[in-house]
Amino acid sequence: ITAPDPIDPHGTFTHESCNGPCDGTATVAPTGGNGTYTYNWSPMPPSGQGTPTVSGLCAGPWCVTVSDGAGCDTTWCFTILPEQSILATVSTVDGLCWDECTGEATATASGGAGGFTFQWTPEPGAGQGTNSVTGLCQGPGTVTITDVAGCDTTIAFNIVKNPPIEPNLVVFPETCAGACTGEAGVYPTGGAGNYSYAWQPDPGAGQGTNEVTGLCSGVNYSVTVTDSAGCDTVVVFTVPAFIPIAPSISVTDASCWDGCDGAATVASVTGGTPPFTYFWNPVPANGQGGQSATGLCPGTATVTVTDAAGCDTTITFTIQAPAAIDPQPTVTPIACGAQCTGAIDLTPTGGSGGFSYTWTPVPAVGQGTAHVSQLCAGDWTVVITDANGCDTTMTFSLTEPVPVAASATVGESHCGVCDGTAQLHPSGGT
């Protein structure tokens, strides 16, 4: 007596997926028995009752009884599990420098149906499609993780970097032209802190610090500020040139060629660093140090203007004066002794014009004029004064001729003959 093999259902099933609840499936492919199988699923499936395949199964226990034509049967039970969500985390390594894309991210996934793929946004520098990427720039990003069932989840992350280094440069100009006394300082913010400094070209003093001195105008300098993360920024600068001291001077000329009443004033000063001091040469009548000088004689003089930084400049100026008065006299001598027929004519040059005349003693004719006459023998003095009150004095000595005199040598006649002689010897006169 023989019996058929036992019925083996050979069942398979799928759990609920991410596409929605109650989407489980089950299939049996029985062997054994005498064939001609029938199927009874319990509880009643939404679809497929009486067939070897059912669908729309919700999470929970399910059974199928497989019967053959002889009425023999077997029952196979299974459990549909609810959807298993994809569980994912992302760990990041932030970038160091604000201007570099050196961030990293790694995704770890579990749950779901396994067989995960990874899609990163934005595009990483390297590793797209894998769970670990590099070359990420600063800012937000996402990774979408998909399992073999097509279910996915998206995780957001953020790459953070240190803020940019702001050097905050301050530059001070040279204090004197060509003196290389410029200064500079950087007072950075941002970055990772703990800054170091490299200046090019080398300053006069302070290399490696945030403040340097001994900088020259007309030179292109740079300073590289580096933080503790190795990130840096470079700033290029020049030192402003010193604005030269430029005095403006006004001059008052002397009124007379032989007077010292000239004056000069430094009317304004541009450039340099106030306050200013003044040194005059020669020393003025009102003393040193002032902005104005008085009592200056005709000729060349200088003033040296020095600013608060010790820089100076020297200005040369000239005190002018009218030319000396030249009387240019024409003298008419006395013609005869004991007569007052002398005369003096003046045609003065120089001075400032507008001449007046004072004669001593008072002449008979012409007092107050350039022409006097009827002058007797003696000394005559004239003071010529111009419009500025400048004067010159000249004395003339007039002499009269010795009176005309004569002597005679006489030779008498002899014996009534006209042989007498006479010889005249005049003297004096002109």
Protein backbone atom coordinates (compact mmCIF):
# COMPACT_ATOMS: atom_id res chain seq x y z
CA ILE A 1 0.00 0.00 0.00
CA THR A 2 1.46 3.35 -1.02
CA ALA A 3 0.52 6.93 -0.14
CA PRO A 4 1.20 10.20 -1.97
CA ASP A 5 3.88 12.58 -0.67
CA PRO A 6 2.73 15.18 1.81
CA ILE A 7 1.61 18.47 0.33
CA ASP A 8 4.42 21.08 0.60
CA PRO A 9 3.01 24.61 0.01
CA HIS A 10 6.39 26.27 -0.87
CA GLY A 11 5.04 29.68 0.17
CA THR A 12 6.65 33.10 -0.18
CA PHE A 13 5.42 36.51 0.93
CA THR A 14 6.31 40.23 1.01
CA HIS A 15 5.72 42.64 3.86
CA GLU A 16 4.03 46.01 3.68
CA SER A 17 6.12 48.55 1.75
CA CYS A 18 6.51 52.33 1.70
CA ASN A 19 3.93 52.59 -1.04
CA GLY A 20 1.18 52.31 1.53
CA PRO A 21 -0.32 50.01 4.13
CA CYS A 22 -1.92 46.65 3.18
CA ASP A 23 0.23 46.04 0.12
CA GLY A 24 1.70 42.73 1.29
CA THR A 25 1.59 39.69 -1.04
CA ALA A 26 1.80 35.91 -0.69
CA THR A 27 2.24 33.06 -3.17
CA VAL A 28 2.23 29.27 -2.78
CA ALA A 29 3.59 26.78 -5.31
CA PRO A 30 2.59 23.45 -3.77
CA THR A 31 4.09 20.07 -4.51
CA GLY A 32 3.13 16.61 -3.29
CA GLY A 33 -0.34 15.22 -2.78
CA ASN A 34 -2.16 14.14 -5.89
CA GLY A 35 -2.41 17.57 -7.43
CA THR A 36 -5.58 19.38 -8.36
CA TYR A 37 -5.02 21.90 -5.57
CA THR A 38 -7.47 24.30 -4.07
CA TYR A 39 -6.62 27.27 -1.85
CA ASN A 40 -8.38 28.76 1.09
CA TRP A 41 -6.78 31.94 2.55
CA SER A 42 -7.59 33.15 6.00
CA PRO A 43 -8.52 35.78 6.79
CA MET A 44 -10.17 36.63 3.50
CA PRO A 45 -7.66 38.54 1.36
CA PRO A 46 -8.77 41.59 -0.59
CA SER A 47 -7.73 39.90 -3.79
CA GLY A 48 -6.90 36.36 -4.94
CA GLN A 49 -8.98 34.13 -2.69
CA GLY A 50 -8.99 30.62 -4.12
CA THR A 51 -5.81 31.22 -6.12
CA PRO A 52 -2.18 30.51 -5.29
CA THR A 53 -1.39 34.24 -5.11
CA VAL A 54 -3.05 36.88 -3.01
CA SER A 55 -2.32 40.61 -2.58
CA GLY A 56 -3.46 43.60 -0.57
CA LEU A 57 -2.44 41.92 2.63
CA CYS A 58 -2.30 44.05 5.76
CA ALA A 59 0.21 43.55 8.53
CA GLY A 60 -0.66 40.58 10.72
CA PRO A 61 -0.98 36.77 10.68
CA TRP A 62 -2.20 34.99 7.54
CA CYS A 63 -2.78 31.31 6.68
CA VAL A 64 -3.54 29.35 3.55
CA THR A 65 -4.89 25.78 3.45
CA VAL A 66 -3.86 23.87 0.34
CA SER A 67 -6.07 20.81 -0.48
CA ASP A 68 -5.54 18.20 -3.19
CA GLY A 69 -8.04 16.20 -5.15
CA ALA A 70 -8.02 13.40 -2.58
CA GLY A 71 -9.15 15.76 0.11
CA CYS A 72 -5.76 15.83 1.76
CA ASP A 73 -4.62 19.24 2.90
CA THR A 74 -1.88 21.24 4.62
CA THR A 75 -1.88 24.68 6.17
CA TRP A 76 0.92 27.28 5.92
CA CYS A 77 0.86 30.34 8.12
CA PHE A 78 2.98 33.48 7.96
CA THR A 79 3.04 37.01 9.32
CA ILE A 80 3.06 40.20 7.24
CA LEU A 81 5.15 42.86 9.00
CA PRO A 82 4.26 46.53 8.85
CA GLU A 83 6.31 48.92 6.70
CA GLN A 84 9.91 49.35 7.96
CA SER A 85 10.91 52.99 7.45
CA ILE A 86 14.41 53.81 6.32
CA LEU A 87 16.31 55.12 9.33
CA ALA A 88 19.18 57.39 8.35
CA THR A 89 21.64 59.80 9.91
CA VAL A 90 24.25 62.08 8.38
CA SER A 91 27.50 63.03 10.07
CA THR A 92 29.51 65.96 8.73
CA VAL A 93 33.02 67.32 8.89
CA ASP A 94 32.89 71.08 8.50
CA GLY A 95 35.26 72.90 6.18
CA LEU A 96 38.08 74.99 7.52
CA CYS A 97 38.35 77.99 5.24
CA TRP A 98 35.51 80.11 3.95
CA ASP A 99 36.82 80.09 0.40
CA GLU A 100 37.49 76.34 0.07
CA CYS A 101 35.17 73.34 -0.48
CA THR A 102 36.66 70.85 1.97
CA GLY A 103 33.56 69.72 3.87
CA GLU A 104 32.70 66.02 4.21
CA ALA A 105 29.51 64.04 4.93
CA THR A 106 28.72 60.38 5.64
CA ALA A 107 25.22 58.84 5.61
CA THR A 108 24.31 55.75 7.65
CA ALA A 109 21.04 53.94 6.75
CA SER A 110 19.08 51.03 8.22
CA GLY A 111 15.57 49.68 7.99
CA GLY A 112 13.68 49.78 4.76
CA ALA A 113 14.26 47.04 2.25
CA GLY A 114 18.04 47.44 2.19
CA GLY A 115 20.23 47.79 -0.88
CA PHE A 116 20.47 51.51 -0.42
CA THR A 117 21.58 54.08 -2.98
CA PHE A 118 22.52 57.68 -2.17
CA GLN A 119 21.91 60.89 -4.11
CA TRP A 120 23.65 64.04 -2.76
CA THR A 121 22.61 67.62 -3.45
CA PRO A 122 24.44 69.85 -4.29
CA GLU A 123 26.90 67.81 -6.30
CA PRO A 124 29.85 66.89 -4.07
CA GLY A 125 33.45 67.06 -5.13
CA ALA A 126 33.71 63.27 -4.94
CA GLY A 127 31.62 60.26 -3.84
CA GLN A 128 28.26 60.86 -5.52
CA GLY A 129 26.16 57.69 -5.30
CA THR A 130 27.95 56.41 -2.22
CA ASN A 131 27.25 56.95 1.43
CA SER A 132 30.34 59.17 1.94
CA VAL A 133 31.20 62.31 0.00
CA THR A 134 33.92 64.98 0.13
CA GLY A 135 34.59 68.37 -1.42
CA LEU A 136 31.49 70.01 0.02
CA CYS A 137 31.21 73.79 0.03
CA GLN A 138 29.77 75.84 2.84
CA GLY A 139 25.98 75.78 3.11
CA PRO A 140 22.98 73.43 3.28
CA GLY A 141 22.75 70.08 1.51
CA THR A 142 20.61 66.95 1.33
CA VAL A 143 21.05 63.24 0.72
CA THR A 144 18.21 61.07 -0.59
CA ILE A 145 18.52 57.40 0.45
CA THR A 146 16.54 54.87 -1.62
CA ASP A 147 16.09 51.16 -0.86
CA VAL A 148 15.57 48.35 -3.34
CA ALA A 149 11.84 48.72 -2.94
CA GLY A 150 12.06 52.26 -4.25
CA CYS A 151 11.29 53.72 -0.88
CA ASP A 152 13.36 56.73 0.07
CA THR A 153 14.03 59.29 2.72
CA THR A 154 15.80 62.62 2.52
CA ILE A 155 18.11 63.95 5.22
CA ALA A 156 19.23 67.58 5.37
CA PHE A 157 22.61 68.68 6.67
CA ASN A 158 24.70 71.85 6.78
CA ILE A 159 28.39 72.42 6.22
CA VAL A 160 29.64 75.21 8.45
CA LYS A 161 32.88 77.09 7.97
CA ASN A 162 34.67 79.84 9.81
CA PRO A 163 33.66 83.33 8.65
CA PRO A 164 36.07 85.19 6.36
CA ILE A 165 39.00 86.96 7.96
CA GLU A 166 38.40 90.70 7.87
CA PRO A 167 41.85 92.33 8.19
CA ASN A 168 40.61 95.84 9.16
CA LEU A 169 43.74 97.63 7.94
CA VAL A 170 44.72 101.11 9.19
CA VAL A 171 47.55 103.04 7.48
CA PHE A 172 49.30 106.20 8.69
CA PRO A 173 51.29 108.38 6.21
CA GLU A 174 54.89 109.44 6.44
CA THR A 175 55.45 112.30 8.85
CA CYS A 176 58.10 113.91 6.62
CA ALA A 177 58.79 113.60 2.91
CA GLY A 178 61.07 110.65 2.17
CA ALA A 179 61.51 109.85 5.85
CA CYS A 180 59.97 106.31 5.69
CA THR A 181 58.04 106.95 8.89
CA GLY A 182 54.72 105.48 7.72
CA GLU A 183 52.89 103.01 9.95
CA ALA A 184 50.25 100.31 9.47
CA GLY A 185 48.20 98.02 11.66
CA VAL A 186 45.75 95.16 11.07
CA TYR A 187 43.06 94.32 13.61
CA PRO A 188 41.42 91.18 12.17
CA THR A 189 38.09 89.59 12.96
CA GLY A 190 36.55 86.37 11.67
CA GLY A 191 38.38 83.18 10.80
CA ALA A 192 39.46 80.82 13.57
CA GLY A 193 41.37 83.43 15.57
CA ASN A 194 44.94 83.15 16.88
CA TYR A 195 46.26 85.08 13.91
CA SER A 196 49.78 85.32 12.54
CA TYR A 197 51.09 88.11 10.30
CA ALA A 198 53.56 88.27 7.42
CA TRP A 199 54.42 91.66 5.87
CA GLN A 200 56.01 92.15 2.45
CA PRO A 201 58.43 93.76 1.89
CA ASP A 202 59.93 93.77 5.36
CA PRO A 203 58.89 96.83 7.40
CA GLY A 204 61.34 98.87 9.39
CA ALA A 205 60.08 97.22 12.57
CA GLY A 206 57.28 94.89 13.69
CA GLN A 207 57.52 91.96 11.25
CA GLY A 208 55.34 89.12 12.55
CA THR A 209 53.11 91.42 14.61
CA ASN A 210 49.91 93.21 13.72
CA GLU A 211 51.52 96.68 13.84
CA VAL A 212 54.55 97.79 11.83
CA THR A 213 56.54 100.99 11.43
CA GLY A 214 59.24 102.36 9.14
CA LEU A 215 57.12 102.21 5.98
CA CYS A 216 57.96 104.33 2.93
CA SER A 217 55.55 106.04 0.57
CA GLY A 218 55.54 104.88 -3.04
CA VAL A 219 56.06 101.21 -2.08
CA ASN A 220 53.43 98.49 -2.58
CA TYR A 221 53.09 96.60 0.70
CA SER A 222 51.03 93.53 1.58
CA VAL A 223 50.16 91.71 4.77
CA THR A 224 49.01 88.08 4.95
CA VAL A 225 46.81 87.32 7.95
CA THR A 226 46.62 83.58 8.76
CA ASP A 227 44.35 82.03 11.39
CA SER A 228 44.85 78.89 13.48
CA ALA A 229 43.09 76.78 10.82
CA GLY A 230 45.65 77.79 8.21
CA CYS A 231 43.19 79.99 6.36
CA ASP A 232 44.50 83.35 5.23
CA THR A 233 43.69 86.59 3.54
CA VAL A 234 46.00 89.08 1.85
CA VAL A 235 45.55 92.84 1.73
CA VAL A 236 47.69 95.12 -0.45
CA PHE A 237 48.23 98.79 0.42
CA THR A 238 50.47 101.80 -0.06
CA VAL A 239 51.55 104.43 2.43
CA PRO A 240 50.21 107.90 1.57
CA ALA A 241 52.94 110.36 0.69
CA PHE A 242 53.70 113.18 3.08
CA ILE A 243 52.14 116.44 1.94
CA PRO A 244 55.09 118.86 1.86
CA ILE A 245 55.00 121.98 3.98
CA ALA A 246 54.13 124.85 1.64
CA PRO A 247 54.18 128.30 3.28
CA SER A 248 52.69 131.34 1.57
CA ILE A 249 54.57 134.52 2.51
CA SER A 250 53.62 138.18 2.10
CA VAL A 251 56.36 140.83 2.11
CA THR A 252 56.30 144.55 2.90
CA ASP A 253 59.30 146.33 1.39
CA ALA A 254 61.41 148.87 3.26
CA SER A 255 60.33 152.46 2.69
CA CYS A 256 63.88 153.83 2.46
CA TRP A 257 67.11 152.52 1.03
CA ASP A 258 68.83 152.98 4.35
CA GLY A 259 65.87 152.06 6.59
CA CYS A 260 64.97 148.76 8.29
CA ASP A 261 61.21 148.94 8.37
CA GLY A 262 60.54 145.98 6.04
CA ALA A 263 58.23 143.20 7.22
CA ALA A 264 57.18 139.67 6.27
CA THR A 265 54.32 137.39 7.33
CA VAL A 266 53.72 133.69 6.73
CA ALA A 267 50.13 134.13 5.63
CA SER A 268 49.23 130.44 5.43
CA VAL A 269 50.78 126.98 5.50
CA THR A 270 49.51 123.90 3.68
CA GLY A 271 50.74 120.37 4.24
CA GLY A 272 52.73 119.25 7.23
CA THR A 273 51.36 118.65 10.70
CA PRO A 274 50.26 121.70 12.72
CA PRO A 275 51.18 123.52 14.86
CA PHE A 276 54.08 125.28 13.13
CA THR A 277 57.06 127.23 14.44
CA TYR A 278 59.03 129.89 12.57
CA PHE A 279 62.73 130.76 12.51
CA TRP A 280 63.75 133.98 10.74
CA ASN A 281 67.19 134.87 9.43
CA PRO A 282 68.35 137.55 10.06
CA VAL A 283 66.68 137.90 13.45
CA PRO A 284 63.80 140.38 13.13
CA ALA A 285 63.31 143.35 15.42
CA ASN A 286 60.29 141.71 17.06
CA GLY A 287 62.19 138.50 17.88
CA GLN A 288 62.07 134.85 16.81
CA GLY A 289 59.27 132.31 16.70
CA GLY A 290 56.40 134.41 15.46
CA GLN A 291 54.46 134.10 12.24
CA SER A 292 55.44 137.69 11.36
CA ALA A 293 58.77 139.51 11.30
CA THR A 294 59.27 143.27 11.46
CA GLY A 295 62.22 145.66 11.33
CA LEU A 296 63.78 143.94 8.32
CA CYS A 297 66.46 145.73 6.33
CA PRO A 298 66.65 145.64 2.54
CA GLY A 299 68.20 142.43 1.21
CA THR A 300 67.68 138.67 1.24
CA ALA A 301 66.13 136.89 4.23
CA THR A 302 64.80 133.41 5.03
CA VAL A 303 62.14 131.82 7.20
CA THR A 304 62.22 128.14 8.19
CA VAL A 305 58.80 126.65 8.96
CA THR A 306 58.85 123.51 11.15
CA ASP A 307 55.80 121.35 11.87
CA ALA A 308 54.84 119.29 14.91
CA ALA A 309 56.61 116.23 13.47
CA GLY A 310 59.90 118.09 13.10
CA CYS A 311 59.67 118.38 9.32
CA ASP A 312 60.67 121.74 7.90
CA THR A 313 61.06 123.82 4.81
CA THR A 314 62.89 127.10 4.20
CA ILE A 315 61.61 129.98 2.10
CA THR A 316 63.92 132.72 0.81
CA PHE A 317 62.49 136.16 0.17
CA THR A 318 63.81 139.66 -0.58
CA ILE A 319 63.04 142.96 1.11
CA GLN A 320 63.14 145.58 -1.62
CA ALA A 321 63.76 149.33 -1.14
CA PRO A 322 63.76 152.43 -3.35
CA ALA A 323 67.13 153.49 -4.77
CA ALA A 324 69.02 156.17 -2.85
CA ILE A 325 68.17 159.75 -3.77
CA ASP A 326 70.81 161.17 -6.11
CA PRO A 327 70.57 165.02 -6.21
CA GLN A 328 72.46 165.36 -9.53
CA PRO A 329 73.28 169.06 -8.95
CA THR A 330 74.33 171.67 -11.46
CA VAL A 331 76.24 174.52 -9.77
CA THR A 332 76.62 178.01 -11.27
CA PRO A 333 79.60 179.69 -9.58
CA ILE A 334 79.70 183.34 -8.42
CA ALA A 335 80.89 185.48 -11.31
CA CYS A 336 82.52 188.40 -9.54
CA GLY A 337 83.87 189.06 -6.15
CA ALA A 338 81.62 190.63 -3.59
CA GLN A 339 78.60 189.65 -5.67
CA CYS A 340 75.78 187.10 -4.97
CA THR A 341 75.30 185.55 -8.37
CA GLY A 342 75.70 181.82 -7.55
CA ALA A 343 72.96 179.29 -8.39
CA ILE A 344 72.28 175.58 -7.84
CA ASP A 345 69.93 173.40 -9.93
CA LEU A 346 68.91 169.88 -8.73
CA THR A 347 67.44 167.08 -10.92
CA PRO A 348 67.19 164.26 -8.36
CA THR A 349 66.63 160.58 -9.20
CA GLY A 350 65.95 157.54 -7.00
CA GLY A 351 63.77 157.57 -3.92
CA SER A 352 60.03 157.36 -4.37
CA GLY A 353 59.53 160.71 -6.11
CA GLY A 354 57.46 163.63 -4.88
CA PHE A 355 60.56 165.46 -3.65
CA SER A 356 60.61 168.43 -1.32
CA TYR A 357 63.64 170.68 -0.65
CA THR A 358 64.88 172.52 2.42
CA TRP A 359 67.86 174.86 1.96
CA THR A 360 70.11 176.18 4.68
CA PRO A 361 70.74 179.08 4.95
CA VAL A 362 67.60 180.34 3.31
CA PRO A 363 68.45 181.41 -0.25
CA ALA A 364 67.34 184.70 -1.69
CA VAL A 365 65.40 182.93 -4.41
CA GLY A 366 63.97 179.35 -4.56
CA GLN A 367 63.55 178.06 -1.02
CA GLY A 368 61.53 174.82 -1.19
CA THR A 369 62.40 174.25 -4.84
CA ALA A 370 65.04 172.40 -6.80
CA HIS A 371 66.47 175.71 -8.15
CA VAL A 372 67.97 178.41 -5.95
CA SER A 373 69.83 181.53 -7.08
CA GLN A 374 71.41 184.80 -5.98
CA LEU A 375 73.65 182.77 -3.74
CA CYS A 376 76.54 184.46 -2.02
CA ALA A 377 79.84 182.81 -1.23
CA GLY A 378 79.64 180.26 1.57
CA ASP A 379 78.28 176.80 2.39
CA TRP A 380 74.80 175.92 1.21
CA THR A 381 73.05 172.75 2.39
CA VAL A 382 69.94 171.12 0.93
CA VAL A 383 67.84 168.29 2.42
CA ILE A 384 65.90 166.40 -0.29
CA THR A 385 62.92 164.41 1.04
CA ASP A 386 60.82 161.99 -1.05
CA ALA A 387 57.17 160.93 -0.70
CA ASN A 388 58.13 158.18 1.77
CA GLY A 389 59.87 160.65 4.05
CA CYS A 390 63.30 159.37 3.05
CA ASP A 391 65.92 162.08 2.64
CA THR A 392 69.44 162.84 1.67
CA THR A 393 71.60 165.88 2.50
CA MET A 394 74.18 167.58 0.30
CA THR A 395 76.34 170.65 1.06
CA PHE A 396 77.78 172.92 -1.59
CA SER A 397 80.64 175.44 -1.00
CA LEU A 398 80.45 178.55 -3.19
CA THR A 399 83.48 180.81 -3.37
CA GLU A 400 83.78 184.24 -4.97
CA PRO A 401 86.71 185.18 -7.23
CA VAL A 402 89.53 187.39 -5.83
CA PRO A 403 88.85 191.00 -6.95
CA VAL A 404 90.63 192.02 -10.11
CA ALA A 405 93.86 193.95 -9.31
CA ALA A 406 96.72 195.22 -11.48
CA SER A 407 100.25 196.61 -11.11
CA ALA A 408 102.33 198.40 -13.73
CA THR A 409 106.02 198.66 -14.51
CA VAL A 410 106.80 202.10 -16.11
CA GLY A 411 109.88 203.13 -18.14
CA GLU A 412 110.19 206.89 -18.47
CA SER A 413 110.96 208.73 -21.77
CA HIS A 414 114.37 210.28 -22.30
CA CYS A 415 115.25 213.67 -23.68
CA GLY A 416 111.88 214.51 -24.99
CA VAL A 417 111.79 211.34 -27.00
CA CYS A 418 108.67 209.25 -26.75
CA ASP A 419 110.39 206.14 -25.61
CA GLY A 420 108.60 205.65 -22.37
CA THR A 421 107.12 202.14 -21.58
CA ALA A 422 104.42 200.75 -19.37
CA GLN A 423 103.76 197.02 -18.54
CA LEU A 424 100.53 196.04 -16.77
CA HIS A 425 100.41 193.02 -14.37
CA PRO A 426 96.72 192.06 -13.62
CA SER A 427 95.66 189.54 -10.88
CA GLY A 428 92.47 188.23 -9.29
CA GLY A 429 89.22 187.89 -11.14
CA THR A 430 88.56 184.81 -13.22
